[in-house]
Amino acid sequence: MGEAMLAVVDVDVAYGRTTVVHGIDLTVPADGVTSVLGHNGAGKTTLLAAAAGLLPAARGRILLDGEDVTRLPPNRRVARGLAYVPQGQQSFGQLTAGENLQVVADGRRDGRAATDEALDLFPALKDLLGRQAGLLSGGQRQQLAIARALITRPRLLVLDEPTEGIQPSVVTEIERTIVELTRRGGLAVLLAEQHVGFALDVADRYYVLASGRVASEGTGGTGAARDVRTAMAI
């Protein structure tokens, strides 16, 4: 493992007066995948939103590539190499798939090349560029959302429930892409998942959240799935 691309240090996150994430410590290595597992309501999305700057940390620090970004807004975290793909296969539904990619590529010096590289990772999208994004399947929209994020050439890709509601063949494709991207180097991935098999297949490190706290953590390997399922039963 290399240096930490993201470090979450003793972080609390609250909605109003209600704290939903409590004292989280989490590290995302610069050259691998970190999975955050847990049931609905465990605090996964809240934690990822705080990492991306969409929710403030009520306590603690968030470091991006060694720099304290705890008080920085999302756009400044994006400028430092963070890309966030929220839950729900989000896209501009009235635009074509190609226009969805173009929105991000426009104004980037390497926009065309970055778009071509993203499409090489998701070749099924190449035949769908002229189709309205709102008419794509959930799996196709999720591939589009990840491709769009990759056009920014991030150093940290944050994915919230990337397999939710997606057919198994596309889950396999997304898994393959994540593994390939991190193997190339220069990209760290933090993902939140309920799909234990997928999360552990891609992860170099995992954390299990229960009631907004880390219930278990580890590095995969023998016994990881059993450990995760035990922790998620809390």
Protein backbone atom coordinates (compact mmCIF):
# COMPACT_ATOMS: atom_id res chain seq x y z
CA MET A 1 0.00 0.00 0.00
CA GLY A 2 1.12 3.53 -0.72
CA GLU A 3 0.46 6.74 1.14
CA ALA A 4 -3.10 7.66 2.13
CA MET A 5 -5.08 9.47 -0.56
CA LEU A 6 -7.89 10.10 1.93
CA ALA A 7 -7.78 10.08 5.72
CA VAL A 8 -10.91 10.55 7.82
CA VAL A 9 -9.82 11.25 11.39
CA ASP A 10 -12.25 10.96 14.33
CA VAL A 11 -15.10 12.45 12.28
CA ASP A 12 -18.66 13.09 13.47
CA VAL A 13 -21.34 14.11 10.98
CA ALA A 14 -24.76 15.39 12.01
CA TYR A 15 -28.09 16.22 10.42
CA GLY A 16 -29.30 19.16 12.46
CA ARG A 17 -28.87 18.16 16.11
CA THR A 18 -28.73 14.44 15.39
CA THR A 19 -25.26 12.92 15.02
CA VAL A 20 -25.41 10.02 12.57
CA VAL A 21 -21.69 9.29 12.11
CA HIS A 22 -19.66 8.93 15.29
CA GLY A 23 -15.87 9.14 15.62
CA ILE A 24 -15.03 7.51 12.29
CA ASP A 25 -11.39 6.79 11.45
CA LEU A 26 -10.87 5.59 7.89
CA THR A 27 -7.93 5.46 5.48
CA VAL A 28 -8.02 5.10 1.69
CA PRO A 29 -4.61 4.09 0.29
CA ALA A 30 -3.39 5.93 -2.79
CA ASP A 31 -3.17 2.75 -4.83
CA GLY A 32 -6.21 0.67 -3.94
CA VAL A 33 -9.90 0.24 -3.20
CA THR A 34 -11.52 0.78 0.18
CA SER A 35 -15.05 -0.54 0.68
CA VAL A 36 -17.47 0.72 3.32
CA LEU A 37 -20.21 -1.81 4.06
CA GLY A 38 -23.35 -1.70 6.14
CA HIS A 39 -27.12 -1.86 5.98
CA ASN A 40 -29.34 1.07 5.01
CA GLY A 41 -29.12 3.68 7.75
CA ALA A 42 -25.66 2.58 8.88
CA GLY A 43 -24.13 5.92 7.86
CA LYS A 44 -22.36 4.96 4.62
CA THR A 45 -23.84 7.68 2.41
CA THR A 46 -23.41 10.28 5.15
CA LEU A 47 -19.73 9.40 5.50
CA LEU A 48 -19.11 9.57 1.75
CA ALA A 49 -20.98 12.87 1.47
CA ALA A 50 -18.76 14.31 4.22
CA ALA A 51 -15.65 13.09 2.41
CA ALA A 52 -16.87 14.83 -0.76
CA GLY A 53 -17.69 18.04 1.13
CA LEU A 54 -21.46 17.83 0.67
CA LEU A 55 -22.00 17.57 4.42
CA PRO A 56 -19.86 19.33 7.04
CA ALA A 57 -17.91 17.37 9.61
CA ALA A 58 -19.16 18.37 13.05
CA ARG A 59 -15.88 17.14 14.54
CA GLY A 60 -12.60 15.69 13.33
CA ARG A 61 -10.53 16.19 10.19
CA ILE A 62 -10.60 15.06 6.56
CA LEU A 63 -7.29 14.96 4.69
CA LEU A 64 -7.04 14.62 0.90
CA ASP A 65 -3.56 13.60 -0.22
CA GLY A 66 -2.19 14.96 3.04
CA GLU A 67 -3.97 18.33 2.82
CA ASP A 68 -6.61 19.27 5.38
CA VAL A 69 -9.79 19.83 3.35
CA THR A 70 -12.23 19.64 6.27
CA ARG A 71 -13.57 23.14 5.62
CA LEU A 72 -13.22 23.17 1.83
CA PRO A 73 -16.40 23.16 -0.33
CA PRO A 74 -17.00 20.36 -2.84
CA ASN A 75 -15.74 22.26 -5.89
CA ARG A 76 -12.35 22.84 -4.27
CA ARG A 77 -12.09 19.16 -3.37
CA VAL A 78 -12.91 18.33 -7.00
CA ALA A 79 -10.12 20.68 -8.11
CA ARG A 80 -7.77 18.67 -5.89
CA GLY A 81 -8.67 15.42 -7.63
CA LEU A 82 -11.83 14.07 -5.99
CA ALA A 83 -14.75 12.79 -8.09
CA TYR A 84 -18.03 11.74 -6.48
CA VAL A 85 -20.67 9.47 -8.05
CA PRO A 86 -23.79 9.61 -5.85
CA GLN A 87 -26.31 6.87 -5.30
CA GLY A 88 -29.01 6.33 -7.93
CA GLN A 89 -27.36 6.30 -11.40
CA GLN A 90 -27.77 10.06 -11.75
CA SER A 91 -27.65 11.64 -15.20
CA PHE A 92 -29.10 14.54 -17.17
CA GLY A 93 -32.10 12.57 -18.37
CA GLN A 94 -33.12 14.90 -21.22
CA LEU A 95 -29.62 14.91 -22.71
CA THR A 96 -28.14 12.08 -24.75
CA ALA A 97 -25.47 9.88 -23.21
CA GLY A 98 -22.90 11.62 -25.40
CA GLU A 99 -24.07 15.06 -24.26
CA ASN A 100 -23.81 13.93 -20.62
CA LEU A 101 -20.14 13.20 -21.22
CA GLN A 102 -19.63 16.38 -23.24
CA VAL A 103 -20.91 18.55 -20.37
CA VAL A 104 -17.91 17.44 -18.33
CA ALA A 105 -15.40 17.32 -21.20
CA ASP A 106 -16.14 20.86 -22.42
CA GLY A 107 -13.53 23.32 -21.26
CA ARG A 108 -11.01 20.62 -20.41
CA ARG A 109 -7.84 20.72 -22.47
CA ASP A 110 -7.78 16.92 -22.60
CA GLY A 111 -11.56 16.47 -22.72
CA ARG A 112 -11.67 14.50 -25.97
CA ALA A 113 -8.89 12.12 -24.96
CA ALA A 114 -10.34 11.65 -21.46
CA THR A 115 -13.76 10.88 -22.96
CA ASP A 116 -12.27 8.31 -25.33
CA GLU A 117 -10.43 6.65 -22.42
CA ALA A 118 -13.61 6.50 -20.34
CA LEU A 119 -15.52 4.94 -23.24
CA ASP A 120 -12.78 2.36 -23.71
CA LEU A 121 -13.44 1.27 -20.12
CA PHE A 122 -17.19 1.00 -20.77
CA PRO A 123 -17.37 -0.03 -24.44
CA ALA A 124 -21.12 -0.77 -24.23
CA LEU A 125 -21.70 2.99 -23.98
CA LYS A 126 -20.23 3.62 -27.42
CA ASP A 127 -23.39 2.41 -29.15
CA LEU A 128 -25.61 4.44 -26.81
CA LEU A 129 -24.13 7.92 -27.19
CA GLY A 130 -27.07 9.17 -29.26
CA ARG A 131 -29.71 7.79 -26.89
CA GLN A 132 -31.45 9.96 -24.32
CA ALA A 133 -29.90 9.19 -20.93
CA GLY A 134 -33.32 8.95 -19.27
CA LEU A 135 -34.14 5.99 -21.54
CA LEU A 136 -31.06 3.96 -20.58
CA SER A 137 -31.26 1.04 -18.16
CA GLY A 138 -30.08 1.52 -14.58
CA GLY A 139 -26.87 -0.32 -15.33
CA GLN A 140 -26.18 1.77 -18.42
CA ARG A 141 -26.83 4.99 -16.49
CA GLN A 142 -24.44 3.84 -13.75
CA GLN A 143 -21.71 3.16 -16.29
CA LEU A 144 -22.40 6.59 -17.78
CA ALA A 145 -22.15 8.25 -14.36
CA ILE A 146 -18.80 6.59 -13.62
CA ALA A 147 -17.48 7.39 -17.11
CA ARG A 148 -18.50 11.03 -16.64
CA ALA A 149 -16.59 11.17 -13.34
CA LEU A 150 -13.49 9.63 -14.91
CA ILE A 151 -13.31 12.38 -17.54
CA THR A 152 -12.08 14.70 -14.76
CA ARG A 153 -9.10 12.34 -14.34
CA PRO A 154 -9.58 12.05 -10.57
CA ARG A 155 -7.05 10.74 -8.09
CA LEU A 156 -9.84 9.69 -5.70
CA LEU A 157 -13.09 8.24 -7.05
CA VAL A 158 -15.92 8.06 -4.50
CA LEU A 159 -18.78 5.71 -5.46
CA ASP A 160 -21.98 5.44 -3.43
CA GLU A 161 -23.78 2.09 -3.91
CA PRO A 162 -22.55 1.56 -7.50
CA THR A 163 -24.31 -1.82 -7.83
CA GLU A 164 -27.70 -0.85 -6.39
CA GLY A 165 -30.54 -2.08 -8.60
CA ILE A 166 -28.21 -3.17 -11.40
CA GLN A 167 -28.26 -6.42 -13.35
CA PRO A 168 -25.47 -8.90 -12.50
CA SER A 169 -23.73 -8.63 -15.88
CA VAL A 170 -23.21 -4.88 -15.39
CA VAL A 171 -22.07 -5.40 -11.79
CA THR A 172 -19.36 -7.69 -13.21
CA GLU A 173 -18.42 -5.01 -15.77
CA ILE A 174 -18.15 -2.29 -13.11
CA GLU A 175 -16.07 -4.61 -10.91
CA ARG A 176 -13.71 -5.32 -13.80
CA THR A 177 -13.35 -1.61 -14.53
CA ILE A 178 -12.60 -0.65 -10.91
CA VAL A 179 -9.94 -3.35 -10.63
CA GLU A 180 -8.38 -2.31 -13.95
CA LEU A 181 -8.33 1.38 -13.04
CA THR A 182 -6.60 0.89 -9.70
CA ARG A 183 -4.15 -1.64 -11.15
CA ARG A 184 -2.95 1.04 -13.56
CA GLY A 185 -2.01 3.23 -10.60
CA GLY A 186 -2.75 6.87 -9.87
CA LEU A 187 -6.32 6.29 -8.71
CA ALA A 188 -7.76 5.44 -5.30
CA VAL A 189 -11.38 4.31 -4.91
CA LEU A 190 -13.69 4.66 -1.91
CA LEU A 191 -17.01 2.91 -2.34
CA ALA A 192 -20.05 2.26 -0.18
CA GLU A 193 -21.81 -1.06 -0.73
CA GLN A 194 -24.36 -3.48 0.70
CA HIS A 195 -23.37 -6.16 -1.85
CA VAL A 196 -20.78 -7.99 0.29
CA GLY A 197 -19.38 -10.18 -2.51
CA PHE A 198 -18.74 -7.26 -4.85
CA ALA A 199 -17.32 -5.03 -2.10
CA LEU A 200 -14.83 -7.63 -0.90
CA ASP A 201 -13.88 -8.75 -4.43
CA VAL A 202 -12.63 -5.26 -5.30
CA ALA A 203 -11.44 -4.08 -1.87
CA ASP A 204 -7.92 -3.93 -0.52
CA ARG A 205 -9.39 -2.72 2.77
CA TYR A 206 -12.91 -2.74 4.19
CA TYR A 207 -14.84 -1.06 6.98
CA VAL A 208 -18.23 -2.15 8.29
CA LEU A 209 -20.49 0.56 9.70
CA ALA A 210 -23.29 -0.11 12.16
CA SER A 211 -25.30 2.74 13.70
CA GLY A 212 -22.78 5.27 12.41
CA ARG A 213 -19.75 3.62 13.98
CA VAL A 214 -17.02 1.30 12.68
CA ALA A 215 -18.08 -2.16 13.81
CA SER A 216 -15.27 -4.00 12.02
CA GLU A 217 -12.41 -3.42 9.62
CA GLY A 218 -9.87 -5.53 7.81
CA THR A 219 -7.85 -6.19 4.68
CA GLY A 220 -9.82 -9.00 3.09
CA GLY A 221 -8.60 -12.51 2.59
CA THR A 222 -9.72 -15.64 4.39
CA GLY A 223 -12.52 -15.00 6.82
CA ALA A 224 -13.30 -11.49 5.61
CA ALA A 225 -16.79 -12.34 4.34
CA ARG A 226 -17.65 -14.11 7.58
CA ASP A 227 -16.34 -11.16 9.60
CA VAL A 228 -18.32 -8.68 7.51
CA ARG A 229 -21.57 -10.63 7.73
CA THR A 230 -21.16 -11.02 11.48
CA ALA A 231 -20.55 -7.29 11.88
CA MET A 232 -23.51 -6.41 9.66
CA ALA A 233 -25.76 -8.55 11.84
CA ILE A 234 -25.16 -6.22 14.80
